[in-house]
C-alpha atoms as a PDB file:
ATOM      1  CA  UNK A   1     119.177 114.805 110.614  1.00  0.00           C
ATOM      2  CA  UNK A   2     116.028 112.660 110.454  1.00  0.00           C
ATOM      3  CA  UNK A   3     115.401 110.582 107.354  1.00  0.00           C
ATOM      4  CA  UNK A   4     112.027 112.221 106.753  1.00  0.00           C
ATOM      5  CA  UNK A   5     113.605 115.670 106.583  1.00  0.00           C
ATOM      6  CA  UNK A   6     116.375 114.539 104.247  1.00  0.00           C
ATOM      7  CA  UNK A   7     113.858 112.702 102.075  1.00  0.00           C
ATOM      8  CA  UNK A   8     111.697 115.788 101.718  1.00  0.00           C
ATOM      9  CA  UNK A   9     114.727 117.928 100.969  1.00  0.00           C
ATOM     10  CA  UNK A  10     115.786 115.541  98.201  1.00  0.00           C
ATOM     11  CA  UNK A  11     112.306 115.461  96.740  1.00  0.00           C
ATOM     12  CA  UNK A  12     112.199 119.239  96.817  1.00  0.00           C
ATOM     13  CA  UNK A  13     115.572 119.431  95.096  1.00  0.00           C
ATOM     14  CA  UNK A  14     114.257 117.249  92.281  1.00  0.00           C
ATOM     15  CA  UNK A  15     110.693 118.369  91.740  1.00  0.00           C
ATOM     16  CA  UNK A  16     110.383 121.909  93.097  1.00  0.00           C
ATOM     17  CA  UNK A  17     109.663 123.850  89.908  1.00  0.00           C
ATOM     18  CA  UNK A  18     110.939 127.145  91.319  1.00  0.00           C
ATOM     19  CA  UNK A  19     114.188 126.245  93.016  1.00  0.00           C
ATOM     20  CA  UNK A  20     116.384 123.208  92.594  1.00  0.00           C
ATOM     21  CA  UNK A  21     118.401 124.337  95.573  1.00  0.00           C
ATOM     22  CA  UNK A  22     115.648 123.904  98.177  1.00  0.00           C
ATOM     23  CA  UNK A  23     116.822 121.931 101.188  1.00  0.00           C
ATOM     24  CA  UNK A  24     120.229 120.979  99.777  1.00  0.00           C
ATOM     25  CA  UNK A  25     123.415 122.502 101.109  1.00  0.00           C
ATOM     26  CA  UNK A  26     125.175 124.738  98.611  1.00  0.00           C
ATOM     27  CA  UNK A  27     128.496 123.073  99.347  1.00  0.00           C
ATOM     28  CA  UNK A  28     127.048 119.628  98.623  1.00  0.00           C
ATOM     29  CA  UNK A  29     125.548 120.742  95.343  1.00  0.00           C
ATOM     30  CA  UNK A  30     128.725 122.509  94.315  1.00  0.00           C
ATOM     31  CA  UNK A  31     130.864 119.472  95.010  1.00  0.00           C
ATOM     32  CA  UNK A  32     128.604 117.026  93.223  1.00  0.00           C
ATOM     33  CA  UNK A  33     127.982 119.295  90.261  1.00  0.00           C
ATOM     34  CA  UNK A  34     131.717 119.849  89.967  1.00  0.00           C
ATOM     35  CA  UNK A  35     132.154 116.097  89.867  1.00  0.00           C
ATOM     36  CA  UNK A  36     129.728 115.890  86.964  1.00  0.00           C
ATOM     37  CA  UNK A  37     131.207 118.646  84.823  1.00  0.00           C
ATOM     38  CA  UNK A  38     134.844 117.937  85.567  1.00  0.00           C
ATOM     39  CA  UNK A  39     135.822 120.955  87.639  1.00  0.00           C
ATOM     40  CA  UNK A  40     138.766 120.097  89.841  1.00  0.00           C
ATOM     41  CA  UNK A  41     138.918 116.431  88.837  1.00  0.00           C
ATOM     42  CA  UNK A  42     139.975 114.352  91.837  1.00  0.00           C
ATOM     43  CA  UNK A  43     140.109 110.986  90.127  1.00  0.00           C
ATOM     44  CA  UNK A  44     136.386 110.341  90.323  1.00  0.00           C
ATOM     45  CA  UNK A  45     135.185 113.448  88.520  1.00  0.00           C
ATOM     46  CA  UNK A  46     133.586 113.659  85.114  1.00  0.00           C
ATOM     47  CA  UNK A  47     136.050 113.490  82.227  1.00  0.00           C
ATOM     48  CA  UNK A  48     133.614 115.228  79.865  1.00  0.00           C
ATOM     49  CA  UNK A  49     134.138 118.960  80.167  1.00  0.00           C
ATOM     50  CA  UNK A  50     131.279 121.413  80.056  1.00  0.00           C
ATOM     51  CA  UNK A  51     130.882 123.366  76.834  1.00  0.00           C
ATOM     52  CA  UNK A  52     130.353 127.104  76.818  1.00  0.00           C
ATOM     53  CA  UNK A  53     126.560 127.193  76.890  1.00  0.00           C
ATOM     54  CA  UNK A  54     124.903 123.890  75.999  1.00  0.00           C
ATOM     55  CA  UNK A  55     125.287 120.161  76.519  1.00  0.00           C
ATOM     56  CA  UNK A  56     127.074 118.049  73.933  1.00  0.00           C
ATOM     57  CA  UNK A  57     125.844 114.631  72.813  1.00  0.00           C
ATOM     58  CA  UNK A  58     128.641 113.024  74.834  1.00  0.00           C
ATOM     59  CA  UNK A  59     127.600 114.941  77.943  1.00  0.00           C
ATOM     60  CA  UNK A  60     124.002 113.823  77.546  1.00  0.00           C
ATOM     61  CA  UNK A  61     125.051 110.188  77.280  1.00  0.00           C
ATOM     62  CA  UNK A  62     127.438 110.490  80.229  1.00  0.00           C
ATOM     63  CA  UNK A  63     124.900 112.202  82.497  1.00  0.00           C
ATOM     64  CA  UNK A  64     122.339 109.569  81.528  1.00  0.00           C
ATOM     65  CA  UNK A  65     124.816 106.786  82.341  1.00  0.00           C
ATOM     66  CA  UNK A  66     125.374 108.265  85.802  1.00  0.00           C
ATOM     67  CA  UNK A  67     121.606 108.283  86.320  1.00  0.00           C
ATOM     68  CA  UNK A  68     121.295 104.679  85.142  1.00  0.00           C
ATOM     69  CA  UNK A  69     124.164 103.482  87.349  1.00  0.00           C
ATOM     70  CA  UNK A  70     122.486 105.268  90.259  1.00  0.00           C
ATOM     71  CA  UNK A  71     119.207 103.551  89.406  1.00  0.00           C
ATOM     72  CA  UNK A  72     120.867 100.110  89.233  1.00  0.00           C
ATOM     73  CA  UNK A  73     122.478 100.682  92.628  1.00  0.00           C
ATOM     74  CA  UNK A  74     119.162 101.858  94.076  1.00  0.00           C
ATOM     75  CA  UNK A  75     117.012  98.965  92.857  1.00  0.00           C
ATOM     76  CA  UNK A  76     119.611  96.334  93.703  1.00  0.00           C
ATOM     77  CA  UNK A  77     119.937  97.490  97.300  1.00  0.00           C
ATOM     78  CA  UNK A  78     116.170  97.645  97.697  1.00  0.00           C
ATOM     79  CA  UNK A  79     115.855  94.062  96.458  1.00  0.00           C
ATOM     80  CA  UNK A  80     118.707  92.802  98.636  1.00  0.00           C
ATOM     81  CA  UNK A  81     118.123  94.831 101.819  1.00  0.00           C
ATOM     82  CA  UNK A  82     115.428  95.462 104.376  1.00  0.00           C
ATOM     83  CA  UNK A  83     113.008  97.055 101.904  1.00  0.00           C
ATOM     84  CA  UNK A  84     112.154  93.727 100.304  1.00  0.00           C
ATOM     85  CA  UNK A  85     110.925  92.290 103.627  1.00  0.00           C
ATOM     86  CA  UNK A  86     107.954  94.660 103.710  1.00  0.00           C
ATOM     87  CA  UNK A  87     104.537  92.912 103.736  1.00  0.00           C
ATOM     88  CA  UNK A  88     103.742  94.636 100.433  1.00  0.00           C
ATOM     89  CA  UNK A  89     106.754  92.872  98.907  1.00  0.00           C
ATOM     90  CA  UNK A  90     108.334  89.608 100.157  1.00  0.00           C
ATOM     91  CA  UNK A  91     106.690  89.723 103.606  1.00  0.00           C
ATOM     92  CA  UNK A  92     109.822  88.761 105.507  1.00  0.00           C
ATOM     93  CA  UNK A  93     111.261  86.725 102.658  1.00  0.00           C
ATOM     94  CA  UNK A  94     113.702  87.650  99.923  1.00  0.00           C
ATOM     95  CA  UNK A  95     113.452  88.901  96.358  1.00  0.00           C
ATOM     96  CA  UNK A  96     113.636  85.337  95.073  1.00  0.00           C
ATOM     97  CA  UNK A  97     111.665  83.720  97.910  1.00  0.00           C
ATOM     98  CA  UNK A  98     108.468  85.641  98.590  1.00  0.00           C
ATOM     99  CA  UNK A  99     106.692  84.324 101.653  1.00  0.00           C
ATOM    100  CA  UNK A 100     102.959  83.745 102.034  1.00  0.00           C
ATOM    101  CA  UNK A 101     101.085  87.015 102.253  1.00  0.00           C
ATOM    102  CA  UNK A 102     103.695  88.850 100.219  1.00  0.00           C
ATOM    103  CA  UNK A 103     103.323  89.927  96.604  1.00  0.00           C
ATOM    104  CA  UNK A 104     105.413  88.329  93.871  1.00  0.00           C
ATOM    105  CA  UNK A 105     103.862  90.810  91.444  1.00  0.00           C
ATOM    106  CA  UNK A 106     105.058  93.830  93.427  1.00  0.00           C
ATOM    107  CA  UNK A 107     108.538  92.304  93.778  1.00  0.00           C
ATOM    108  CA  UNK A 108     108.565  91.721  90.020  1.00  0.00           C
ATOM    109  CA  UNK A 109     107.854  95.435  89.466  1.00  0.00           C
ATOM    110  CA  UNK A 110     111.169  96.242  91.149  1.00  0.00           C
ATOM    111  CA  UNK A 111     112.989  93.369  89.432  1.00  0.00           C
ATOM    112  CA  UNK A 112     111.739  94.429  86.000  1.00  0.00           C
ATOM    113  CA  UNK A 113     112.821  98.009  86.644  1.00  0.00           C
ATOM    114  CA  UNK A 114     116.301  96.818  87.624  1.00  0.00           C
ATOM    115  CA  UNK A 115     116.638  94.741  84.450  1.00  0.00           C
ATOM    116  CA  UNK A 116     115.503  97.669  82.327  1.00  0.00           C
ATOM    117  CA  UNK A 117     117.987 100.074  83.953  1.00  0.00           C
ATOM    118  CA  UNK A 118     120.760  97.551  83.263  1.00  0.00           C
ATOM    119  CA  UNK A 119     119.788  97.503  79.582  1.00  0.00           C
ATOM    120  CA  UNK A 120     119.715 101.301  79.411  1.00  0.00           C
ATOM    121  CA  UNK A 121     123.170 101.534  80.970  1.00  0.00           C
ATOM    122  CA  UNK A 122     124.599  98.976  78.562  1.00  0.00           C
ATOM    123  CA  UNK A 123     123.260 100.970  75.610  1.00  0.00           C
ATOM    124  CA  UNK A 124     124.730 104.212  76.924  1.00  0.00           C
ATOM    125  CA  UNK A 125     128.128 102.568  77.445  1.00  0.00           C
ATOM    126  CA  UNK A 126     128.094 101.389  73.839  1.00  0.00           C
ATOM    127  CA  UNK A 127     127.287 104.920  72.659  1.00  0.00           C
ATOM    128  CA  UNK A 128     130.197 106.242  74.736  1.00  0.00           C
ATOM    129  CA  UNK A 129     132.615 103.570  73.518  1.00  0.00           C
ATOM    130  CA  UNK A 130     132.804 101.903  76.939  1.00  0.00           C
ATOM    131  CA  UNK A 131     132.624  98.225  77.835  1.00  0.00           C
ATOM    132  CA  UNK A 132     128.968  97.112  78.113  1.00  0.00           C
ATOM    133  CA  UNK A 133     129.908  95.297  81.333  1.00  0.00           C
ATOM    134  CA  UNK A 134     130.465  98.561  83.207  1.00  0.00           C
ATOM    135  CA  UNK A 135     134.134  97.832  83.869  1.00  0.00           C
ATOM    136  CA  UNK A 136     135.150 101.100  82.230  1.00  0.00           C
ATOM    137  CA  UNK A 137     132.626 103.383  83.925  1.00  0.00           C
ATOM    138  CA  UNK A 138     134.916 104.675  86.659  1.00  0.00           C
ATOM    139  CA  UNK A 139     137.728 105.289  84.189  1.00  0.00           C
ATOM    140  CA  UNK A 140     135.339 107.443  82.176  1.00  0.00           C
ATOM    141  CA  UNK A 141     134.529 109.494  85.262  1.00  0.00           C
ATOM    142  CA  UNK A 142     131.260 107.881  86.308  1.00  0.00           C
ATOM    143  CA  UNK A 143     131.027 107.712  90.128  1.00  0.00           C
ATOM    144  CA  UNK A 144     131.751 104.324  91.662  1.00  0.00           C
ATOM    145  CA  UNK A 145     129.711 105.065  94.802  1.00  0.00           C
ATOM    146  CA  UNK A 146     126.319 106.616  95.472  1.00  0.00           C
ATOM    147  CA  UNK A 147     125.000 108.071  98.731  1.00  0.00           C
ATOM    148  CA  UNK A 148     121.567 107.947 100.338  1.00  0.00           C
ATOM    149  CA  UNK A 149     120.009 109.147 103.593  1.00  0.00           C
ATOM    150  CA  UNK A 150     120.739 106.764 106.456  1.00  0.00           C
ATOM    151  CA  UNK A 151     118.056 104.084 106.569  1.00  0.00           C
ATOM    152  CA  UNK A 152     116.936 104.419 102.953  1.00  0.00           C
ATOM    153  CA  UNK A 153     117.120 100.678 102.323  1.00  0.00           C
ATOM    154  CA  UNK A 154     115.847  99.598 105.747  1.00  0.00           C
ATOM    155  CA  UNK A 155     112.114  99.915 105.087  1.00  0.00           C
ATOM    156  CA  UNK A 156     109.682 100.556 102.255  1.00  0.00           C
ATOM    157  CA  UNK A 157     108.462 103.626 104.140  1.00  0.00           C
ATOM    158  CA  UNK A 158     111.945 105.141 103.969  1.00  0.00           C
ATOM    159  CA  UNK A 159     112.643 103.948 100.452  1.00  0.00           C
ATOM    160  CA  UNK A 160     109.502 104.882  98.523  1.00  0.00           C
ATOM    161  CA  UNK A 161     109.827 108.702  98.638  1.00  0.00           C
ATOM    162  CA  UNK A 162     113.498 108.490  97.598  1.00  0.00           C
ATOM    163  CA  UNK A 163     112.713 106.240  94.655  1.00  0.00           C
ATOM    164  CA  UNK A 164     109.822 108.424  93.526  1.00  0.00           C
ATOM    165  CA  UNK A 165     112.108 111.465  93.648  1.00  0.00           C
ATOM    166  CA  UNK A 166     114.710 109.664  91.552  1.00  0.00           C
ATOM    167  CA  UNK A 167     112.260 108.408  88.934  1.00  0.00           C
ATOM    168  CA  UNK A 168     110.779 111.904  88.665  1.00  0.00           C
ATOM    169  CA  UNK A 169     114.278 113.258  88.048  1.00  0.00           C
ATOM    170  CA  UNK A 170     114.983 110.548  85.451  1.00  0.00           C
ATOM    171  CA  UNK A 171     111.807 111.390  83.534  1.00  0.00           C
ATOM    172  CA  UNK A 172     112.757 115.065  83.539  1.00  0.00           C
ATOM    173  CA  UNK A 173     116.305 114.310  82.434  1.00  0.00           C
ATOM    174  CA  UNK A 174     115.254 112.175  79.482  1.00  0.00           C
ATOM    175  CA  UNK A 175     112.620 114.696  78.425  1.00  0.00           C
ATOM    176  CA  UNK A 176     115.344 117.324  78.439  1.00  0.00           C
ATOM    177  CA  UNK A 177     117.575 114.999  76.406  1.00  0.00           C
ATOM    178  CA  UNK A 178     114.809 114.662  73.789  1.00  0.00           C
ATOM    179  CA  UNK A 179     114.652 118.437  73.483  1.00  0.00           C
ATOM    180  CA  UNK A 180     118.429 118.788  73.311  1.00  0.00           C
ATOM    181  CA  UNK A 181     118.925 116.144  70.614  1.00  0.00           C
ATOM    182  CA  UNK A 182     116.106 117.708  68.583  1.00  0.00           C
ATOM    183  CA  UNK A 183     117.724 121.132  69.024  1.00  0.00           C
ATOM    184  CA  UNK A 184     121.064 119.729  67.862  1.00  0.00           C
ATOM    185  CA  UNK A 185     119.494 118.195  64.766  1.00  0.00           C
ATOM    186  CA  UNK A 186     117.905 121.543  63.922  1.00  0.00           C
ATOM    187  CA  UNK A 187     120.846 123.711  65.010  1.00  0.00           C
ATOM    188  CA  UNK A 188     118.436 125.536  67.304  1.00  0.00           C
ATOM    189  CA  UNK A 189     118.746 127.564  70.512  1.00  0.00           C
ATOM    190  CA  UNK A 190     122.537 127.590  70.556  1.00  0.00           C
ATOM    191  CA  UNK A 191     122.962 123.850  70.006  1.00  0.00           C
ATOM    192  CA  UNK A 192     125.466 122.823  67.348  1.00  0.00           C
ATOM    193  CA  UNK A 193     124.487 120.289  64.699  1.00  0.00           C
ATOM    194  CA  UNK A 194     128.124 119.156  64.680  1.00  0.00           C
ATOM    195  CA  UNK A 195     128.423 116.630  67.486  1.00  0.00           C
ATOM    196  CA  UNK A 196     131.397 114.313  67.976  1.00  0.00           C
ATOM    197  CA  UNK A 197     130.762 110.582  68.227  1.00  0.00           C
ATOM    198  CA  UNK A 198     132.520 109.564  71.474  1.00  0.00           C
ATOM    199  CA  UNK A 199     132.569 105.919  70.399  1.00  0.00           C
ATOM    200  CA  UNK A 200     134.350 106.646  67.111  1.00  0.00           C
ATOM    201  CA  UNK A 201     137.288 109.041  67.275  1.00  0.00           C
ATOM    202  CA  UNK A 202     137.286 111.654  64.529  1.00  0.00           C
ATOM    203  CA  UNK A 203     133.687 110.970  63.538  1.00  0.00           C
ATOM    204  CA  UNK A 204     130.638 113.197  63.923  1.00  0.00           C
ATOM    205  CA  UNK A 205     127.007 112.244  64.231  1.00  0.00           C
ATOM    206  CA  UNK A 206     124.717 112.862  61.271  1.00  0.00           C
ATOM    207  CA  UNK A 207     121.439 114.732  61.579  1.00  0.00           C
ATOM    208  CA  UNK A 208     119.676 111.365  61.282  1.00  0.00           C
ATOM    209  CA  UNK A 209     121.738 110.058  64.223  1.00  0.00           C
ATOM    210  CA  UNK A 210     120.680 112.972  66.415  1.00  0.00           C
ATOM    211  CA  UNK A 211     117.014 112.485  65.509  1.00  0.00           C
ATOM    212  CA  UNK A 212     117.331 108.788  66.354  1.00  0.00           C
ATOM    213  CA  UNK A 213     118.846 109.594  69.748  1.00  0.00           C
ATOM    214  CA  UNK A 214     115.919 111.910  70.469  1.00  0.00           C
ATOM    215  CA  UNK A 215     113.629 108.926  69.832  1.00  0.00           C
ATOM    216  CA  UNK A 216     115.798 106.683  72.019  1.00  0.00           C
ATOM    217  CA  UNK A 217     115.640 109.205  74.872  1.00  0.00           C
ATOM    218  CA  UNK A 218     111.859 109.382  74.463  1.00  0.00           C
ATOM    219  CA  UNK A 219     111.574 105.598  74.606  1.00  0.00           C
ATOM    220  CA  UNK A 220     113.599 105.452  77.836  1.00  0.00           C
ATOM    221  CA  UNK A 221     111.533 108.326  79.268  1.00  0.00           C
ATOM    222  CA  UNK A 222     108.423 106.189  78.764  1.00  0.00           C
ATOM    223  CA  UNK A 223     109.959 103.294  80.671  1.00  0.00           C
ATOM    224  CA  UNK A 224     111.011 105.531  83.566  1.00  0.00           C
ATOM    225  CA  UNK A 225     107.460 106.876  83.716  1.00  0.00           C
ATOM    226  CA  UNK A 226     106.190 103.280  83.920  1.00  0.00           C
ATOM    227  CA  UNK A 227     108.529 102.726  86.867  1.00  0.00           C
ATOM    228  CA  UNK A 228     107.150 105.732  88.696  1.00  0.00           C
ATOM    229  CA  UNK A 229     103.539 104.589  88.291  1.00  0.00           C
ATOM    230  CA  UNK A 230     104.216 100.955  89.206  1.00  0.00           C
ATOM    231  CA  UNK A 231     106.190 101.967  92.292  1.00  0.00           C
ATOM    232  CA  UNK A 232     103.212 104.011  93.448  1.00  0.00           C
ATOM    233  CA  UNK A 233     101.065 100.873  93.094  1.00  0.00           C
ATOM    234  CA  UNK A 234     103.135  98.782  95.537  1.00  0.00           C
ATOM    235  CA  UNK A 235     101.845  99.919  98.968  1.00  0.00           C
ATOM    236  CA  UNK A 236      98.423  98.676 100.032  1.00  0.00           C
ATOM    237  CA  UNK A 237      96.334 101.841 100.132  1.00  0.00           C
ATOM    238  CA  UNK A 238      92.634 102.537  99.706  1.00  0.00           C
ATOM    239  CA  UNK A 239      90.457 105.408  98.557  1.00  0.00           C
ATOM    240  CA  UNK A 240      89.594 106.014 102.201  1.00  0.00           C
ATOM    241  CA  UNK A 241      93.253 105.828 103.286  1.00  0.00           C
ATOM    242  CA  UNK A 242      95.378 106.703 100.237  1.00  0.00           C
ATOM    243  CA  UNK A 243      98.564 107.876 101.961  1.00  0.00           C
ATOM    244  CA  UNK A 244     101.789 105.927 102.425  1.00  0.00           C
ATOM    245  CA  UNK A 245     105.066 107.465 103.586  1.00  0.00           C
ATOM    246  CA  UNK A 246     103.473 110.886 103.418  1.00  0.00           C
ATOM    247  CA  UNK A 247     102.429 110.506  99.772  1.00  0.00           C
ATOM    248  CA  UNK A 248      98.928 110.194  98.325  1.00  0.00           C
ATOM    249  CA  UNK A 249      99.185 107.152  96.039  1.00  0.00           C
ATOM    250  CA  UNK A 250      95.637 107.086  94.632  1.00  0.00           C
ATOM    251  CA  UNK A 251      95.677 106.790  91.693  1.00  0.00           C
ATOM    252  CA  UNK A 252      99.095 105.333  90.929  1.00  0.00           C
ATOM    253  CA  UNK A 253      99.000 106.892  87.456  1.00  0.00           C
ATOM    254  CA  UNK A 254      98.286 110.399  88.661  1.00  0.00           C
ATOM    255  CA  UNK A 255      99.728 112.773  86.055  1.00  0.00           C
ATOM    256  CA  UNK A 256      98.130 113.993  82.821  1.00  0.00           C
ATOM    257  CA  UNK A 257     101.521 114.835  81.335  1.00  0.00           C
ATOM    258  CA  UNK A 258     105.032 113.885  82.352  1.00  0.00           C
ATOM    259  CA  UNK A 259     107.154 116.811  83.516  1.00  0.00           C
ATOM    260  CA  UNK A 260     110.597 118.053  82.542  1.00  0.00           C
ATOM    261  CA  UNK A 261     110.932 119.145  86.198  1.00  0.00           C
ATOM    262  CA  UNK A 262     111.994 122.561  84.854  1.00  0.00           C
ATOM    263  CA  UNK A 263     115.385 121.167  83.803  1.00  0.00           C
ATOM    264  CA  UNK A 264     117.247 123.272  81.262  1.00  0.00           C
ATOM    265  CA  UNK A 265     120.067 120.818  80.610  1.00  0.00           C
ATOM    266  CA  UNK A 266     121.727 117.619  81.714  1.00  0.00           C
ATOM    267  CA  UNK A 267     125.087 119.072  82.751  1.00  0.00           C
ATOM    268  CA  UNK A 268     125.034 122.560  81.212  1.00  0.00           C
ATOM    269  CA  UNK A 269     121.871 124.608  81.637  1.00  0.00           C
ATOM    270  CA  UNK A 270     120.805 126.727  78.680  1.00  0.00           C
ATOM    271  CA  UNK A 271     121.417 130.370  79.451  1.00  0.00           C
ATOM    272  CA  UNK A 272     123.593 129.479  82.420  1.00  0.00           C
ATOM    273  CA  UNK A 273     120.684 128.078  84.430  1.00  0.00           C
ATOM    274  CA  UNK A 274     121.522 125.852  87.408  1.00  0.00           C
ATOM    275  CA  UNK A 275     118.352 123.776  86.870  1.00  0.00           C
ATOM    276  CA  UNK A 276     120.164 120.740  85.492  1.00  0.00           C
ATOM    277  CA  UNK A 277     120.121 116.996  86.058  1.00  0.00           C
ATOM    278  CA  UNK A 278     123.562 117.422  87.643  1.00  0.00           C
ATOM    279  CA  UNK A 279     122.031 119.659  90.283  1.00  0.00           C
ATOM    280  CA  UNK A 280     118.954 117.484  90.789  1.00  0.00           C
ATOM    281  CA  UNK A 281     121.013 114.332  91.398  1.00  0.00           C
ATOM    282  CA  UNK A 282     123.736 116.087  93.378  1.00  0.00           C
ATOM    283  CA  UNK A 283     122.593 114.814  96.813  1.00  0.00           C
ATOM    284  CA  UNK A 284     123.224 111.234  95.695  1.00  0.00           C
ATOM    285  CA  UNK A 285     126.734 111.928  94.411  1.00  0.00           C
ATOM    286  CA  UNK A 286     128.407 113.412  97.477  1.00  0.00           C
ATOM    287  CA  UNK A 287     128.486 112.270 101.080  1.00  0.00           C
ATOM    288  CA  UNK A 288     127.226 114.340 104.008  1.00  0.00           C
ATOM    289  CA  UNK A 289     126.633 113.887 107.724  1.00  0.00           C
ATOM    290  CA  UNK A 290     122.981 113.050 107.003  1.00  0.00           C
ATOM    291  CA  UNK A 291     123.837 110.154 104.735  1.00  0.00           C
ATOM    292  CA  UNK A 292     125.017 106.604 105.255  1.00  0.00           C
ATOM    293  CA  UNK A 293     128.215 105.158 103.885  1.00  0.00           C
ATOM    294  CA  UNK A 294     128.238 104.944 100.121  1.00  0.00           C
ATOM    295  CA  UNK A 295     126.737 102.063  98.156  1.00  0.00           C
ATOM    296  CA  UNK A 296     128.913 100.489  95.473  1.00  0.00           C
ATOM    297  CA  UNK A 297     127.733 100.437  91.868  1.00  0.00           C
ATOM    298  CA  UNK A 298     130.137  97.607  91.087  1.00  0.00           C
ATOM    299  CA  UNK A 299     128.522  95.387  93.713  1.00  0.00           C
ATOM    300  CA  UNK A 300     125.074  96.102  92.305  1.00  0.00           C
ATOM    301  CA  UNK A 301     126.139  95.653  88.689  1.00  0.00           C
ATOM    302  CA  UNK A 302     127.901  92.360  89.293  1.00  0.00           C
ATOM    303  CA  UNK A 303     125.222  90.956  91.575  1.00  0.00           C
ATOM    304  CA  UNK A 304     121.927  92.102  90.116  1.00  0.00           C
ATOM    305  CA  UNK A 305     121.043  88.689  88.674  1.00  0.00           C
ATOM    306  CA  UNK A 306     121.061  87.249  92.196  1.00  0.00           C
ATOM    307  CA  UNK A 307     117.933  89.241  93.094  1.00  0.00           C
ATOM    308  CA  UNK A 308     115.940  88.404  89.950  1.00  0.00           C
ATOM    309  CA  UNK A 309     113.351  85.631  90.163  1.00  0.00           C
ATOM    310  CA  UNK A 310     113.485  83.000  87.446  1.00  0.00           C
ATOM    311  CA  UNK A 311     110.861  83.843  84.848  1.00  0.00           C
ATOM    312  CA  UNK A 312     111.006  87.617  85.361  1.00  0.00           C
ATOM    313  CA  UNK A 313     112.293  89.059  82.096  1.00  0.00           C
ATOM    314  CA  UNK A 314     112.058  92.232  80.047  1.00  0.00           C
ATOM    315  CA  UNK A 315     112.252  92.702  76.298  1.00  0.00           C
ATOM    316  CA  UNK A 316     112.508  95.273  73.532  1.00  0.00           C
ATOM    317  CA  UNK A 317     115.150  97.258  71.682  1.00  0.00           C
ATOM    318  CA  UNK A 318     115.739 100.860  70.659  1.00  0.00           C
ATOM    319  CA  UNK A 319     113.388 102.483  68.129  1.00  0.00           C
ATOM    320  CA  UNK A 320     114.077 102.150  64.437  1.00  0.00           C
ATOM    321  CA  UNK A 321     115.653 105.120  62.631  1.00  0.00           C
ATOM    322  CA  UNK A 322     113.563 107.012  60.120  1.00  0.00           C
END
């Protein structure tokens, strides 16, 4: 199957507000979603079991960690593969050696995003009681390998639509997490205010904890939205010719409001809905004939510093509690 077709199918599966199943094989979605919620665990499946009707705090953190590990793998391979050689980026050079005519600023957009995703993942591991290094991710059921359409990391043209689809899904997932933590704190819409702390056996979160985690999710949502806009600013387009890789990129900041992408949950959809982050990210969690061999999270996590230019840093910490 051609990359363009797979790319469009993945975008549809993430952002189509009427059907998250558009263009994605039912078997592929079923397998990947089962991995996330722990059905038929095969050694790489999610250890956190789905509750009857709503996500738990632990499920939110685990689903978010999968998304962050996917993001780390995605940005690392873009910065270390063929994508970075695009004239809009390193112009035939590397992430740390941009050649004349390339754009160190555009490369730094990707590098900053990678550093920020690493920080998000480290926070989520701490909340789950895992090693901040990522060494315990697989043992906790987080996939060790992610899958992309063949050629994703060969060119910016192939890569950009995939990355935009992912960042759109991440924004929707964190917006949904904000709503779910707020619902937990209020005991609203079937969500229980009694939520176990996965990092402290026998302990439950307080209402203040749940409100804080809603703020944390909102703060990460804002960063993911920044990523989406900055990514759209990388290709050289003009008002007269605004399209790159089939996408109109003028303006880069083109939405009045960020979208929840019609998600109703991270792993468990409210009311039994299948419109979850698990479904939206399913194509990246299971191999198919249209995809290349898997890309290792461990390789990306251990090597990400090698693709960061000296002087490119990020800063900030989680919001303060009330």
